[in-house]
Amino acid sequence: QVQLVESGGGLVQAGGSLRLSCVASGRSFSNYAMAWFRQAPGKEREFVARISWSGGSTYYADSVRGRFTISSDNAKNMVYLQMNSLKPEDTAVYYCAAPPRYWGQGTQVTVSS
């Protein structure tokens, strides 16, 4: 069964860092760009970052560019999101995805003031 499973969420102080991980399994994702999305309470899901499976191309939302870094480890079938200089407005459920078909269950990130 195809699965994307996120981990690494938690509570962190503003200005702190957190690294999210995503393990992909069940099929080859070589034809997909992998991405991170997030959804805050009462808001629509928004794009955060994407990376080709080869890691040769990345793109970030303006709100996180310069603070977040997406990366992959093909040997481990994993995708990561390193989040630095976190702000309270980064608080959301973060989802790993191979859009548009495959989505993880999400992991909560809460940034305190």
C-alpha atoms as a PDB file:
ATOM      1  CA  GLN A   1       0.000   0.000   0.000  1.00  0.00           C
ATOM      2  CA  VAL A   2       1.273   3.463  -0.874  1.00  0.00           C
ATOM      3  CA  GLN A   3       2.191   5.452   2.213  1.00  0.00           C
ATOM      4  CA  LEU A   4       3.781   8.771   3.083  1.00  0.00           C
ATOM      5  CA  VAL A   5       4.449   9.004   6.811  1.00  0.00           C
ATOM      6  CA  GLU A   6       5.587  12.236   8.462  1.00  0.00           C
ATOM      7  CA  SER A   7       7.360  12.586  11.785  1.00  0.00           C
ATOM      8  CA  GLY A   8       9.283  15.185  13.757  1.00  0.00           C
ATOM      9  CA  GLY A   9       6.555  17.642  14.636  1.00  0.00           C
ATOM     10  CA  GLY A  10       6.264  19.135  18.082  1.00  0.00           C
ATOM     11  CA  LEU A  11       6.326  22.271  20.191  1.00  0.00           C
ATOM     12  CA  VAL A  12       9.169  24.727  19.713  1.00  0.00           C
ATOM     13  CA  GLN A  13       9.933  28.261  20.864  1.00  0.00           C
ATOM     14  CA  ALA A  14       9.914  31.108  18.351  1.00  0.00           C
ATOM     15  CA  GLY A  15      13.334  31.405  16.773  1.00  0.00           C
ATOM     16  CA  GLY A  16      14.000  27.721  17.232  1.00  0.00           C
ATOM     17  CA  SER A  17      14.435  24.911  14.738  1.00  0.00           C
ATOM     18  CA  LEU A  18      12.739  21.653  13.890  1.00  0.00           C
ATOM     19  CA  ARG A  19      13.308  18.971  11.255  1.00  0.00           C
ATOM     20  CA  LEU A  20      10.418  17.063   9.734  1.00  0.00           C
ATOM     21  CA  SER A  21      10.899  13.692   8.050  1.00  0.00           C
ATOM     22  CA  CYS A  22       8.774  11.800   5.538  1.00  0.00           C
ATOM     23  CA  VAL A  23       9.172   8.136   4.606  1.00  0.00           C
ATOM     24  CA  ALA A  24       7.732   7.130   1.234  1.00  0.00           C
ATOM     25  CA  SER A  25       6.809   3.534   0.465  1.00  0.00           C
ATOM     26  CA  GLY A  26       4.590   1.318  -1.674  1.00  0.00           C
ATOM     27  CA  ARG A  27       5.640   2.464  -5.122  1.00  0.00           C
ATOM     28  CA  SER A  28       8.278   4.330  -7.060  1.00  0.00           C
ATOM     29  CA  PHE A  29       8.028   8.100  -6.742  1.00  0.00           C
ATOM     30  CA  SER A  30      10.632   8.767  -9.404  1.00  0.00           C
ATOM     31  CA  ASN A  31       8.051  10.450 -11.629  1.00  0.00           C
ATOM     32  CA  TYR A  32       6.865  12.800  -8.868  1.00  0.00           C
ATOM     33  CA  ALA A  33       8.036  16.010  -7.347  1.00  0.00           C
ATOM     34  CA  MET A  34       7.815  15.693  -3.563  1.00  0.00           C
ATOM     35  CA  ALA A  35       6.440  18.544  -1.511  1.00  0.00           C
ATOM     36  CA  TRP A  36       5.528  19.855   1.911  1.00  0.00           C
ATOM     37  CA  PHE A  37       2.238  21.626   2.556  1.00  0.00           C
ATOM     38  CA  ARG A  38       0.780  23.007   5.762  1.00  0.00           C
ATOM     39  CA  GLN A  39      -2.634  23.880   7.117  1.00  0.00           C
ATOM     40  CA  ALA A  40      -3.310  26.168  10.056  1.00  0.00           C
ATOM     41  CA  PRO A  41      -6.634  26.113  11.949  1.00  0.00           C
ATOM     42  CA  GLY A  42      -9.342  27.851   9.941  1.00  0.00           C
ATOM     43  CA  LYS A  43      -7.141  28.248   6.886  1.00  0.00           C
ATOM     44  CA  GLU A  44      -6.737  26.469   3.567  1.00  0.00           C
ATOM     45  CA  ARG A  45      -3.854  24.125   2.976  1.00  0.00           C
ATOM     46  CA  GLU A  46      -0.895  26.025   1.540  1.00  0.00           C
ATOM     47  CA  PHE A  47       2.215  25.077  -0.343  1.00  0.00           C
ATOM     48  CA  VAL A  48       5.497  25.249   1.571  1.00  0.00           C
ATOM     49  CA  ALA A  49       8.264  23.643  -0.503  1.00  0.00           C
ATOM     50  CA  ARG A  50       8.896  21.114  -3.256  1.00  0.00           C
ATOM     51  CA  ILE A  51      11.792  19.041  -4.559  1.00  0.00           C
ATOM     52  CA  SER A  52      12.286  16.700  -7.482  1.00  0.00           C
ATOM     53  CA  TRP A  53      12.971  13.142  -6.327  1.00  0.00           C
ATOM     54  CA  SER A  54      16.446  13.484  -7.774  1.00  0.00           C
ATOM     55  CA  GLY A  55      16.952  16.582  -5.648  1.00  0.00           C
ATOM     56  CA  GLY A  56      17.945  18.605  -8.657  1.00  0.00           C
ATOM     57  CA  SER A  57      15.277  21.266  -8.319  1.00  0.00           C
ATOM     58  CA  THR A  58      13.716  22.984  -5.305  1.00  0.00           C
ATOM     59  CA  TYR A  59      11.196  25.760  -4.810  1.00  0.00           C
ATOM     60  CA  TYR A  60       9.826  27.526  -1.730  1.00  0.00           C
ATOM     61  CA  ALA A  61       6.882  29.641  -0.755  1.00  0.00           C
ATOM     62  CA  ASP A  62       7.872  33.261  -0.176  1.00  0.00           C
ATOM     63  CA  SER A  63       6.867  32.970   3.476  1.00  0.00           C
ATOM     64  CA  VAL A  64       9.504  30.323   4.216  1.00  0.00           C
ATOM     65  CA  ARG A  65      12.236  30.992   1.674  1.00  0.00           C
ATOM     66  CA  GLY A  66      15.551  31.493   3.439  1.00  0.00           C
ATOM     67  CA  ARG A  67      14.341  29.798   6.622  1.00  0.00           C
ATOM     68  CA  PHE A  68      13.248  26.328   5.476  1.00  0.00           C
ATOM     69  CA  THR A  69      15.205  23.769   3.458  1.00  0.00           C
ATOM     70  CA  ILE A  70      13.716  20.756   1.690  1.00  0.00           C
ATOM     71  CA  SER A  71      15.978  17.808   0.947  1.00  0.00           C
ATOM     72  CA  SER A  72      15.798  14.120   0.081  1.00  0.00           C
ATOM     73  CA  ASP A  73      17.687  10.898   0.672  1.00  0.00           C
ATOM     74  CA  ASN A  74      16.854   8.546  -2.173  1.00  0.00           C
ATOM     75  CA  ALA A  75      18.618   5.553  -0.626  1.00  0.00           C
ATOM     76  CA  LYS A  76      16.306   5.814   2.392  1.00  0.00           C
ATOM     77  CA  ASN A  77      13.209   6.890   0.426  1.00  0.00           C
ATOM     78  CA  MET A  78      12.954   9.960   2.626  1.00  0.00           C
ATOM     79  CA  VAL A  79      12.168  13.635   2.280  1.00  0.00           C
ATOM     80  CA  TYR A  80      13.023  16.219   4.928  1.00  0.00           C
ATOM     81  CA  LEU A  81      12.051  19.742   5.845  1.00  0.00           C
ATOM     82  CA  GLN A  82      14.548  21.628   7.976  1.00  0.00           C
ATOM     83  CA  MET A  83      12.794  24.581   9.589  1.00  0.00           C
ATOM     84  CA  ASN A  84      14.880  27.352  11.133  1.00  0.00           C
ATOM     85  CA  SER A  85      14.002  30.722  12.664  1.00  0.00           C
ATOM     86  CA  LEU A  86      10.493  29.490  13.343  1.00  0.00           C
ATOM     87  CA  LYS A  87       7.704  31.998  13.872  1.00  0.00           C
ATOM     88  CA  PRO A  88       4.313  31.600  15.584  1.00  0.00           C
ATOM     89  CA  GLU A  89       2.670  31.947  12.169  1.00  0.00           C
ATOM     90  CA  ASP A  90       4.434  28.739  11.116  1.00  0.00           C
ATOM     91  CA  THR A  91       2.135  26.847  13.475  1.00  0.00           C
ATOM     92  CA  ALA A  92       0.193  24.305  11.407  1.00  0.00           C
ATOM     93  CA  VAL A  93      -0.218  20.668  10.529  1.00  0.00           C
ATOM     94  CA  TYR A  94       2.512  19.850   8.026  1.00  0.00           C
ATOM     95  CA  TYR A  95       1.884  17.334   5.257  1.00  0.00           C
ATOM     96  CA  CYS A  96       4.297  15.420   3.060  1.00  0.00           C
ATOM     97  CA  ALA A  97       2.940  14.894  -0.440  1.00  0.00           C
ATOM     98  CA  ALA A  98       3.541  13.643  -3.947  1.00  0.00           C
ATOM     99  CA  PRO A  99       0.920  15.928  -5.506  1.00  0.00           C
ATOM    100  CA  PRO A 100      -1.724  15.505  -6.557  1.00  0.00           C
ATOM    101  CA  ARG A 101      -2.278  11.853  -5.748  1.00  0.00           C
ATOM    102  CA  TYR A 102      -0.476  10.979  -2.524  1.00  0.00           C
ATOM    103  CA  TRP A 103      -0.564  12.651   0.889  1.00  0.00           C
ATOM    104  CA  GLY A 104       0.675  11.836   4.344  1.00  0.00           C
ATOM    105  CA  GLN A 105      -1.380  12.035   7.520  1.00  0.00           C
ATOM    106  CA  GLY A 106       0.280  15.202   8.769  1.00  0.00           C
ATOM    107  CA  THR A 107       2.356  16.145  11.787  1.00  0.00           C
ATOM    108  CA  GLN A 108       1.612  19.052  14.124  1.00  0.00           C
ATOM    109  CA  VAL A 109       4.109  21.894  14.475  1.00  0.00           C
ATOM    110  CA  THR A 110       3.411  24.468  17.170  1.00  0.00           C
ATOM    111  CA  VAL A 111       5.610  27.533  17.596  1.00  0.00           C
ATOM    112  CA  SER A 112       5.196  29.425  20.852  1.00  0.00           C
ATOM    113  CA  SER A 113       5.853  33.123  21.393  1.00  0.00           C
END
